[in-house]
Amino acid sequence: MQRDLLLNAGKELTWHGRTQSEPAHYCSICEVEVFDLLLVTTESNSRKTYVVHCQDCARRADLDNFVVLEQYKIEDLMHVYDQFTLASPLPSSS
């Protein structure tokens, strides 16, 4: 849904990828965890310092000044979702 909103707003998604040991990203303003679509200012993108913002904080500032970095391909996320199964509950001991 967030991806569609950004695309409809005219934002281009730039592939950034994610490394195995890369830490989680948090919004630099409200400190909420940001997953997959990182909104970074155009200035931080050109310097490769990546000051990350959540969508709410980026919209308050002016979404036009942000670049969207994509860390996961949507097909990979859909595959993980489609393969997900709940574990059976353990039998209770009496």
PDB file of N, CA and C in Angstrom:
ATOM      1  N   MET A   1       0.824  -1.180   0.000  1.00  0.00           N
ATOM      2  CA  MET A   1       0.000   0.000   0.000  1.00  0.00           C
ATOM      3  C   MET A   1       0.877   1.257   0.000  1.00  0.00           C
ATOM      4  N   GLN A   2       1.884   1.297   0.886  1.00  0.00           N
ATOM      5  CA  GLN A   2       2.768   2.459   0.935  1.00  0.00           C
ATOM      6  C   GLN A   2       3.499   2.624  -0.396  1.00  0.00           C
ATOM      7  N   ARG A   3       3.895   1.523  -0.968  1.00  0.00           N
ATOM      8  CA  ARG A   3       4.585   1.539  -2.257  1.00  0.00           C
ATOM      9  C   ARG A   3       3.697   2.183  -3.323  1.00  0.00           C
ATOM     10  N   ASP A   4       2.435   1.774  -3.377  1.00  0.00           N
ATOM     11  CA  ASP A   4       1.493   2.335  -4.348  1.00  0.00           C
ATOM     12  C   ASP A   4       1.262   3.820  -4.119  1.00  0.00           C
ATOM     13  N   LEU A   5       1.142   4.225  -2.869  1.00  0.00           N
ATOM     14  CA  LEU A   5       0.945   5.649  -2.557  1.00  0.00           C
ATOM     15  C   LEU A   5       2.130   6.485  -3.038  1.00  0.00           C
ATOM     16  N   LEU A   6       3.336   5.979  -2.815  1.00  0.00           N
ATOM     17  CA  LEU A   6       4.522   6.720  -3.242  1.00  0.00           C
ATOM     18  C   LEU A   6       4.611   6.791  -4.771  1.00  0.00           C
ATOM     19  N   LEU A   7       4.318   5.688  -5.433  1.00  0.00           N
ATOM     20  CA  LEU A   7       4.346   5.678  -6.895  1.00  0.00           C
ATOM     21  C   LEU A   7       3.281   6.616  -7.470  1.00  0.00           C
ATOM     22  N   ASN A   8       2.089   6.612  -6.871  1.00  0.00           N
ATOM     23  CA  ASN A   8       1.016   7.514  -7.326  1.00  0.00           C
ATOM     24  C   ASN A   8       1.356   8.981  -7.081  1.00  0.00           C
ATOM     25  N   ALA A   9       2.202   9.232  -6.076  1.00  0.00           N
ATOM     26  CA  ALA A   9       2.635  10.604  -5.793  1.00  0.00           C
ATOM     27  C   ALA A   9       3.774  11.031  -6.712  1.00  0.00           C
ATOM     28  N   GLY A  10       4.172  10.132  -7.637  1.00  0.00           N
ATOM     29  CA  GLY A  10       5.215  10.473  -8.587  1.00  0.00           C
ATOM     30  C   GLY A  10       6.625  10.188  -8.110  1.00  0.00           C
ATOM     31  N   LYS A  11       6.766   9.472  -7.003  1.00  0.00           N
ATOM     32  CA  LYS A  11       8.094   9.152  -6.488  1.00  0.00           C
ATOM     33  C   LYS A  11       8.651   7.940  -7.221  1.00  0.00           C
ATOM     34  N   GLU A  12       9.905   8.008  -7.592  1.00  0.00           N
ATOM     35  CA  GLU A  12      10.588   6.889  -8.225  1.00  0.00           C
ATOM     36  C   GLU A  12      11.286   6.077  -7.141  1.00  0.00           C
ATOM     37  N   LEU A  13      11.187   4.757  -7.229  1.00  0.00           N
ATOM     38  CA  LEU A  13      11.851   3.886  -6.261  1.00  0.00           C
ATOM     39  C   LEU A  13      13.218   3.518  -6.808  1.00  0.00           C
ATOM     40  N   THR A  14      14.253   3.731  -5.996  1.00  0.00           N
ATOM     41  CA  THR A  14      15.615   3.419  -6.387  1.00  0.00           C
ATOM     42  C   THR A  14      16.074   2.187  -5.634  1.00  0.00           C
ATOM     43  N   TRP A  15      16.574   1.184  -6.368  1.00  0.00           N
ATOM     44  CA  TRP A  15      17.030  -0.041  -5.721  1.00  0.00           C
ATOM     45  C   TRP A  15      18.257   0.251  -4.871  1.00  0.00           C
ATOM     46  N   HIS A  16      18.192  -0.151  -3.607  1.00  0.00           N
ATOM     47  CA  HIS A  16      19.294   0.056  -2.668  1.00  0.00           C
ATOM     48  C   HIS A  16      19.789  -1.276  -2.126  1.00  0.00           C
ATOM     49  N   GLY A  17      18.881  -2.237  -1.983  1.00  0.00           N
ATOM     50  CA  GLY A  17      19.261  -3.535  -1.434  1.00  0.00           C
ATOM     51  C   GLY A  17      19.539  -3.467   0.052  1.00  0.00           C
ATOM     52  N   ARG A  18      19.813  -4.611   0.595  1.00  0.00           N
ATOM     53  CA  ARG A  18      20.079  -4.707   2.030  1.00  0.00           C
ATOM     54  C   ARG A  18      21.114  -5.792   2.246  1.00  0.00           C
ATOM     55  N   THR A  19      22.096  -5.522   3.098  1.00  0.00           N
ATOM     56  CA  THR A  19      23.104  -6.527   3.406  1.00  0.00           C
ATOM     57  C   THR A  19      22.643  -7.378   4.580  1.00  0.00           C
ATOM     58  N   GLN A  20      23.225  -8.546   4.699  1.00  0.00           N
ATOM     59  CA  GLN A  20      22.826  -9.503   5.741  1.00  0.00           C
ATOM     60  C   GLN A  20      22.981  -8.921   7.147  1.00  0.00           C
ATOM     61  N   SER A  21      24.045  -8.193   7.401  1.00  0.00           N
ATOM     62  CA  SER A  21      24.309  -7.693   8.754  1.00  0.00           C
ATOM     63  C   SER A  21      23.874  -6.247   8.967  1.00  0.00           C
ATOM     64  N   GLU A  22      23.156  -5.688   8.023  1.00  0.00           N
ATOM     65  CA  GLU A  22      22.729  -4.295   8.132  1.00  0.00           C
ATOM     66  C   GLU A  22      21.714  -4.134   9.268  1.00  0.00           C
ATOM     67  N   PRO A  23      21.910  -3.148  10.137  1.00  0.00           N
ATOM     68  CA  PRO A  23      20.966  -2.957  11.243  1.00  0.00           C
ATOM     69  C   PRO A  23      19.631  -2.409  10.744  1.00  0.00           C
ATOM     70  N   ALA A  24      18.629  -2.474  11.595  1.00  0.00           N
ATOM     71  CA  ALA A  24      17.317  -1.912  11.271  1.00  0.00           C
ATOM     72  C   ALA A  24      17.438  -0.396  11.144  1.00  0.00           C
ATOM     73  N   HIS A  25      16.552   0.188  10.355  1.00  0.00           N
ATOM     74  CA  HIS A  25      16.551   1.642  10.161  1.00  0.00           C
ATOM     75  C   HIS A  25      15.384   2.253  10.924  1.00  0.00           C
ATOM     76  N   TYR A  26      15.618   3.433  11.490  1.00  0.00           N
ATOM     77  CA  TYR A  26      14.599   4.147  12.262  1.00  0.00           C
ATOM     78  C   TYR A  26      14.487   5.571  11.752  1.00  0.00           C
ATOM     79  N   CYS A  27      13.296   6.120  11.827  1.00  0.00           N
ATOM     80  CA  CYS A  27      13.065   7.501  11.425  1.00  0.00           C
ATOM     81  C   CYS A  27      13.909   8.422  12.305  1.00  0.00           C
ATOM     82  N   SER A  28      14.600   9.358  11.679  1.00  0.00           N
ATOM     83  CA  SER A  28      15.466  10.265  12.433  1.00  0.00           C
ATOM     84  C   SER A  28      14.679  11.277  13.260  1.00  0.00           C
ATOM     85  N   ILE A  29      13.364  11.374  13.022  1.00  0.00           N
ATOM     86  CA  ILE A  29      12.546  12.336  13.763  1.00  0.00           C
ATOM     87  C   ILE A  29      11.738  11.650  14.867  1.00  0.00           C
ATOM     88  N   CYS A  30      10.903  10.675  14.492  1.00  0.00           N
ATOM     89  CA  CYS A  30       9.997  10.056  15.481  1.00  0.00           C
ATOM     90  C   CYS A  30      10.495   8.701  15.984  1.00  0.00           C
ATOM     91  N   GLU A  31      11.579   8.186  15.418  1.00  0.00           N
ATOM     92  CA  GLU A  31      12.231   6.949  15.835  1.00  0.00           C
ATOM     93  C   GLU A  31      11.419   5.678  15.622  1.00  0.00           C
ATOM     94  N   VAL A  32      10.415   5.706  14.747  1.00  0.00           N
ATOM     95  CA  VAL A  32       9.671   4.504  14.398  1.00  0.00           C
ATOM     96  C   VAL A  32      10.539   3.696  13.434  1.00  0.00           C
ATOM     97  N   GLU A  33      10.457   2.357  13.503  1.00  0.00           N
ATOM     98  CA  GLU A  33      11.239   1.525  12.590  1.00  0.00           C
ATOM     99  C   GLU A  33      10.703   1.659  11.171  1.00  0.00           C
ATOM    100  N   VAL A  34      11.604   1.801  10.209  1.00  0.00           N
ATOM    101  CA  VAL A  34      11.246   1.936   8.803  1.00  0.00           C
ATOM    102  C   VAL A  34      11.727   0.673   8.086  1.00  0.00           C
ATOM    103  N   PHE A  35      10.809  -0.006   7.402  1.00  0.00           N
ATOM    104  CA  PHE A  35      11.117  -1.272   6.740  1.00  0.00           C
ATOM    105  C   PHE A  35      10.950  -1.132   5.231  1.00  0.00           C
ATOM    106  N   ASP A  36      11.902  -1.621   4.487  1.00  0.00           N
ATOM    107  CA  ASP A  36      11.880  -1.762   3.030  1.00  0.00           C
ATOM    108  C   ASP A  36      12.006  -0.446   2.270  1.00  0.00           C
ATOM    109  N   LEU A  37      11.091   0.472   2.418  1.00  0.00           N
ATOM    110  CA  LEU A  37      11.121   1.727   1.652  1.00  0.00           C
ATOM    111  C   LEU A  37      11.658   2.849   2.538  1.00  0.00           C
ATOM    112  N   LEU A  38      12.913   3.211   2.290  1.00  0.00           N
ATOM    113  CA  LEU A  38      13.571   4.239   3.092  1.00  0.00           C
ATOM    114  C   LEU A  38      13.434   5.581   2.393  1.00  0.00           C
ATOM    115  N   LEU A  39      12.866   6.548   3.071  1.00  0.00           N
ATOM    116  CA  LEU A  39      12.752   7.889   2.520  1.00  0.00           C
ATOM    117  C   LEU A  39      13.920   8.700   3.058  1.00  0.00           C
ATOM    118  N   VAL A  40      14.811   9.101   2.159  1.00  0.00           N
ATOM    119  CA  VAL A  40      15.987   9.872   2.542  1.00  0.00           C
ATOM    120  C   VAL A  40      15.969  11.187   1.776  1.00  0.00           C
ATOM    121  N   THR A  41      16.545  12.226   2.370  1.00  0.00           N
ATOM    122  CA  THR A  41      16.571  13.516   1.684  1.00  0.00           C
ATOM    123  C   THR A  41      17.491  13.422   0.479  1.00  0.00           C
ATOM    124  N   THR A  42      17.227  14.220  -0.521  1.00  0.00           N
ATOM    125  CA  THR A  42      18.064  14.204  -1.722  1.00  0.00           C
ATOM    126  C   THR A  42      19.506  14.555  -1.364  1.00  0.00           C
ATOM    127  N   GLU A  43      19.676  15.430  -0.385  1.00  0.00           N
ATOM    128  CA  GLU A  43      21.027  15.816   0.040  1.00  0.00           C
ATOM    129  C   GLU A  43      21.756  14.635   0.674  1.00  0.00           C
ATOM    130  N   SER A  44      21.077  13.904   1.568  1.00  0.00           N
ATOM    131  CA  SER A  44      21.746  12.771   2.214  1.00  0.00           C
ATOM    132  C   SER A  44      21.982  11.650   1.213  1.00  0.00           C
ATOM    133  N   ASN A  45      21.130  11.538   0.185  1.00  0.00           N
ATOM    134  CA  ASN A  45      21.321  10.514  -0.843  1.00  0.00           C
ATOM    135  C   ASN A  45      22.586  10.812  -1.661  1.00  0.00           C
ATOM    136  N   SER A  46      22.807  12.082  -1.991  1.00  0.00           N
ATOM    137  CA  SER A  46      23.987  12.424  -2.788  1.00  0.00           C
ATOM    138  C   SER A  46      25.276  12.265  -1.975  1.00  0.00           C
ATOM    139  N   ARG A  47      25.199  12.419  -0.650  1.00  0.00           N
ATOM    140  CA  ARG A  47      26.384  12.247   0.199  1.00  0.00           C
ATOM    141  C   ARG A  47      26.502  10.825   0.720  1.00  0.00           C
ATOM    142  N   LYS A  48      25.498   9.973   0.448  1.00  0.00           N
ATOM    143  CA  LYS A  48      25.468   8.577   0.899  1.00  0.00           C
ATOM    144  C   LYS A  48      25.489   8.468   2.428  1.00  0.00           C
ATOM    145  N   THR A  49      24.865   9.443   3.112  1.00  0.00           N
ATOM    146  CA  THR A  49      24.771   9.397   4.571  1.00  0.00           C
ATOM    147  C   THR A  49      23.422   8.878   5.043  1.00  0.00           C
ATOM    148  N   TYR A  50      22.427   8.893   4.194  1.00  0.00           N
ATOM    149  CA  TYR A  50      21.112   8.305   4.409  1.00  0.00           C
ATOM    150  C   TYR A  50      20.469   8.617   5.765  1.00  0.00           C
ATOM    151  N   VAL A  51      19.980   9.814   5.910  1.00  0.00           N
ATOM    152  CA  VAL A  51      19.167  10.178   7.068  1.00  0.00           C
ATOM    153  C   VAL A  51      17.750   9.717   6.737  1.00  0.00           C
ATOM    154  N   VAL A  52      17.295   8.664   7.410  1.00  0.00           N
ATOM    155  CA  VAL A  52      16.038   7.997   7.077  1.00  0.00           C
ATOM    156  C   VAL A  52      14.864   8.682   7.771  1.00  0.00           C
ATOM    157  N   HIS A  53      13.731   8.756   7.059  1.00  0.00           N
ATOM    158  CA  HIS A  53      12.490   9.294   7.605  1.00  0.00           C
ATOM    159  C   HIS A  53      11.360   8.304   7.321  1.00  0.00           C
ATOM    160  N   CYS A  54      10.374   8.260   8.196  1.00  0.00           N
ATOM    161  CA  CYS A  54       9.168   7.485   7.912  1.00  0.00           C
ATOM    162  C   CYS A  54       8.312   8.307   6.949  1.00  0.00           C
ATOM    163  N   GLN A  55       7.303   7.684   6.387  1.00  0.00           N
ATOM    164  CA  GLN A  55       6.472   8.382   5.401  1.00  0.00           C
ATOM    165  C   GLN A  55       5.745   9.564   6.039  1.00  0.00           C
ATOM    166  N   ASP A  56       5.260   9.421   7.262  1.00  0.00           N
ATOM    167  CA  ASP A  56       4.533  10.516   7.917  1.00  0.00           C
ATOM    168  C   ASP A  56       5.428  11.745   8.112  1.00  0.00           C
ATOM    169  N   CYS A  57       6.639  11.543   8.606  1.00  0.00           N
ATOM    170  CA  CYS A  57       7.545  12.675   8.838  1.00  0.00           C
ATOM    171  C   CYS A  57       8.018  13.277   7.518  1.00  0.00           C
ATOM    172  N   ALA A  58       8.222  12.448   6.498  1.00  0.00           N
ATOM    173  CA  ALA A  58       8.642  12.958   5.190  1.00  0.00           C
ATOM    174  C   ALA A  58       7.539  13.806   4.566  1.00  0.00           C
ATOM    175  N   ARG A  59       6.292  13.379   4.705  1.00  0.00           N
ATOM    176  CA  ARG A  59       5.181  14.163   4.136  1.00  0.00           C
ATOM    177  C   ARG A  59       5.033  15.498   4.841  1.00  0.00           C
ATOM    178  N   ARG A  60       5.293  15.540   6.143  1.00  0.00           N
ATOM    179  CA  ARG A  60       5.201  16.812   6.873  1.00  0.00           C
ATOM    180  C   ARG A  60       6.268  17.794   6.403  1.00  0.00           C
ATOM    181  N   ALA A  61       7.448  17.270   6.051  1.00  0.00           N
ATOM    182  CA  ALA A  61       8.544  18.140   5.623  1.00  0.00           C
ATOM    183  C   ALA A  61       8.329  18.600   4.177  1.00  0.00           C
ATOM    184  N   ASP A  62       8.018  17.750   3.271  1.00  0.00           N
ATOM    185  CA  ASP A  62       7.741  17.991   1.853  1.00  0.00           C
ATOM    186  C   ASP A  62       8.300  16.802   1.090  1.00  0.00           C
ATOM    187  N   LEU A  63       7.439  15.929   0.700  1.00  0.00           N
ATOM    188  CA  LEU A  63       7.811  14.670   0.059  1.00  0.00           C
ATOM    189  C   LEU A  63       8.660  14.879  -1.192  1.00  0.00           C
ATOM    190  N   ASP A  64       8.559  16.051  -1.819  1.00  0.00           N
ATOM    191  CA  ASP A  64       9.337  16.323  -3.032  1.00  0.00           C
ATOM    192  C   ASP A  64      10.838  16.319  -2.774  1.00  0.00           C
ATOM    193  N   ASN A  65      11.255  16.590  -1.546  1.00  0.00           N
ATOM    194  CA  ASN A  65      12.681  16.665  -1.216  1.00  0.00           C
ATOM    195  C   ASN A  65      13.269  15.317  -0.825  1.00  0.00           C
ATOM    196  N   PHE A  66      12.531  14.230  -1.070  1.00  0.00           N
ATOM    197  CA  PHE A  66      12.985  12.910  -0.643  1.00  0.00           C
ATOM    198  C   PHE A  66      13.164  11.960  -1.813  1.00  0.00           C
ATOM    199  N   VAL A  67      14.095  11.045  -1.639  1.00  0.00           N
ATOM    200  CA  VAL A  67      14.343   9.943  -2.552  1.00  0.00           C
ATOM    201  C   VAL A  67      13.903   8.684  -1.827  1.00  0.00           C
ATOM    202  N   VAL A  68      13.300   7.737  -2.542  1.00  0.00           N
ATOM    203  CA  VAL A  68      12.840   6.488  -1.933  1.00  0.00           C
ATOM    204  C   VAL A  68      13.801   5.375  -2.323  1.00  0.00           C
ATOM    205  N   LEU A  69      14.436   4.768  -1.322  1.00  0.00           N
ATOM    206  CA  LEU A  69      15.342   3.644  -1.539  1.00  0.00           C
ATOM    207  C   LEU A  69      14.610   2.356  -1.183  1.00  0.00           C
ATOM    208  N   GLU A  70      14.623   1.414  -2.097  1.00  0.00           N
ATOM    209  CA  GLU A  70      13.928   0.137  -1.892  1.00  0.00           C
ATOM    210  C   GLU A  70      14.943  -0.921  -1.480  1.00  0.00           C
ATOM    211  N   GLN A  71      14.669  -1.618  -0.376  1.00  0.00           N
ATOM    212  CA  GLN A  71      15.604  -2.615   0.134  1.00  0.00           C
ATOM    213  C   GLN A  71      15.246  -4.048  -0.245  1.00  0.00           C
ATOM    214  N   TYR A  72      14.011  -4.324  -0.556  1.00  0.00           N
ATOM    215  CA  TYR A  72      13.571  -5.671  -0.917  1.00  0.00           C
ATOM    216  C   TYR A  72      12.731  -5.595  -2.178  1.00  0.00           C
ATOM    217  N   LYS A  73      12.842  -6.575  -3.030  1.00  0.00           N
ATOM    218  CA  LYS A  73      11.984  -6.673  -4.205  1.00  0.00           C
ATOM    219  C   LYS A  73      10.608  -7.163  -3.753  1.00  0.00           C
ATOM    220  N   ILE A  74       9.557  -6.592  -4.296  1.00  0.00           N
ATOM    221  CA  ILE A  74       8.198  -6.951  -3.899  1.00  0.00           C
ATOM    222  C   ILE A  74       7.934  -8.433  -4.143  1.00  0.00           C
ATOM    223  N   GLU A  75       8.527  -8.990  -5.180  1.00  0.00           N
ATOM    224  CA  GLU A  75       8.345 -10.416  -5.471  1.00  0.00           C
ATOM    225  C   GLU A  75       8.918 -11.280  -4.354  1.00  0.00           C
ATOM    226  N   ASP A  76      10.063 -10.880  -3.794  1.00  0.00           N
ATOM    227  CA  ASP A  76      10.667 -11.624  -2.684  1.00  0.00           C
ATOM    228  C   ASP A  76       9.787 -11.557  -1.436  1.00  0.00           C
ATOM    229  N   LEU A  77       9.237 -10.383  -1.164  1.00  0.00           N
ATOM    230  CA  LEU A  77       8.353 -10.241   0.002  1.00  0.00           C
ATOM    231  C   LEU A  77       7.080 -11.053  -0.181  1.00  0.00           C
ATOM    232  N   MET A  78       6.540 -11.076  -1.397  1.00  0.00           N
ATOM    233  CA  MET A  78       5.334 -11.865  -1.665  1.00  0.00           C
ATOM    234  C   MET A  78       5.631 -13.349  -1.498  1.00  0.00           C
ATOM    235  N   HIS A  79       6.807 -13.790  -1.921  1.00  0.00           N
ATOM    236  CA  HIS A  79       7.186 -15.196  -1.781  1.00  0.00           C
ATOM    237  C   HIS A  79       7.268 -15.584  -0.301  1.00  0.00           C
ATOM    238  N   VAL A  80       7.893 -14.758   0.511  1.00  0.00           N
ATOM    239  CA  VAL A  80       7.976 -15.025   1.955  1.00  0.00           C
ATOM    240  C   VAL A  80       6.576 -15.102   2.549  1.00  0.00           C
ATOM    241  N   TYR A  81       5.720 -14.173   2.182  1.00  0.00           N
ATOM    242  CA  TYR A  81       4.350 -14.159   2.691  1.00  0.00           C
ATOM    243  C   TYR A  81       3.591 -15.420   2.269  1.00  0.00           C
ATOM    244  N   ASP A  82       3.715 -15.798   1.006  1.00  0.00           N
ATOM    245  CA  ASP A  82       3.010 -16.975   0.500  1.00  0.00           C
ATOM    246  C   ASP A  82       3.500 -18.271   1.144  1.00  0.00           C
ATOM    247  N   GLN A  83       4.763 -18.319   1.545  1.00  0.00           N
ATOM    248  CA  GLN A  83       5.335 -19.526   2.136  1.00  0.00           C
ATOM    249  C   GLN A  83       5.143 -19.597   3.651  1.00  0.00           C
ATOM    250  N   PHE A  84       4.627 -18.546   4.251  1.00  0.00           N
ATOM    251  CA  PHE A  84       4.482 -18.491   5.708  1.00  0.00           C
ATOM    252  C   PHE A  84       3.409 -19.465   6.191  1.00  0.00           C
ATOM    253  N   THR A  85       3.736 -20.204   7.248  1.00  0.00           N
ATOM    254  CA  THR A  85       2.760 -21.076   7.906  1.00  0.00           C
ATOM    255  C   THR A  85       2.931 -20.934   9.407  1.00  0.00           C
ATOM    256  N   LEU A  86       1.837 -21.038  10.112  1.00  0.00           N
ATOM    257  CA  LEU A  86       1.886 -20.990  11.568  1.00  0.00           C
ATOM    258  C   LEU A  86       2.321 -22.339  12.096  1.00  0.00           C
ATOM    259  N   ALA A  87       3.103 -22.323  13.141  1.00  0.00           N
ATOM    260  CA  ALA A  87       3.524 -23.568  13.774  1.00  0.00           C
ATOM    261  C   ALA A  87       2.367 -24.120  14.593  1.00  0.00           C
ATOM    262  N   SER A  88       2.276 -25.425  14.655  1.00  0.00           N
ATOM    263  CA  SER A  88       1.253 -26.060  15.488  1.00  0.00           C
ATOM    264  C   SER A  88       1.559 -25.806  16.944  1.00  0.00           C
ATOM    265  N   PRO A  89       0.523 -25.583  17.754  1.00  0.00           N
ATOM    266  CA  PRO A  89       0.790 -25.374  19.190  1.00  0.00           C
ATOM    267  C   PRO A  89       1.328 -26.650  19.823  1.00  0.00           C
ATOM    268  N   LEU A  90       2.188 -26.473  20.795  1.00  0.00           N
ATOM    269  CA  LEU A  90       2.750 -27.615  21.512  1.00  0.00           C
ATOM    270  C   LEU A  90       1.659 -28.236  22.389  1.00  0.00           C
ATOM    271  N   PRO A  91       1.643 -29.569  22.501  1.00  0.00           N
ATOM    272  CA  PRO A  91       0.644 -30.182  23.375  1.00  0.00           C
ATOM    273  C   PRO A  91       0.899 -29.781  24.833  1.00  0.00           C
ATOM    274  N   SER A  92      -0.176 -29.524  25.522  1.00  0.00           N
ATOM    275  CA  SER A  92      -0.021 -29.101  26.923  1.00  0.00           C
ATOM    276  C   SER A  92       0.245 -30.342  27.779  1.00  0.00           C
ATOM    277  N   SER A  93       1.114 -30.164  28.751  1.00  0.00           N
ATOM    278  CA  SER A  93       1.419 -31.280  29.657  1.00  0.00           C
ATOM    279  C   SER A  93       0.522 -31.162  30.887  1.00  0.00           C
ATOM    280  N   SER A  94      -0.011 -32.290  31.330  1.00  0.00           N
ATOM    281  CA  SER A  94      -0.934 -32.271  32.471  1.00  0.00           C
ATOM    282  C   SER A  94      -0.262 -32.759  33.720  1.00  0.00           C
TER     283      SER A  94
END
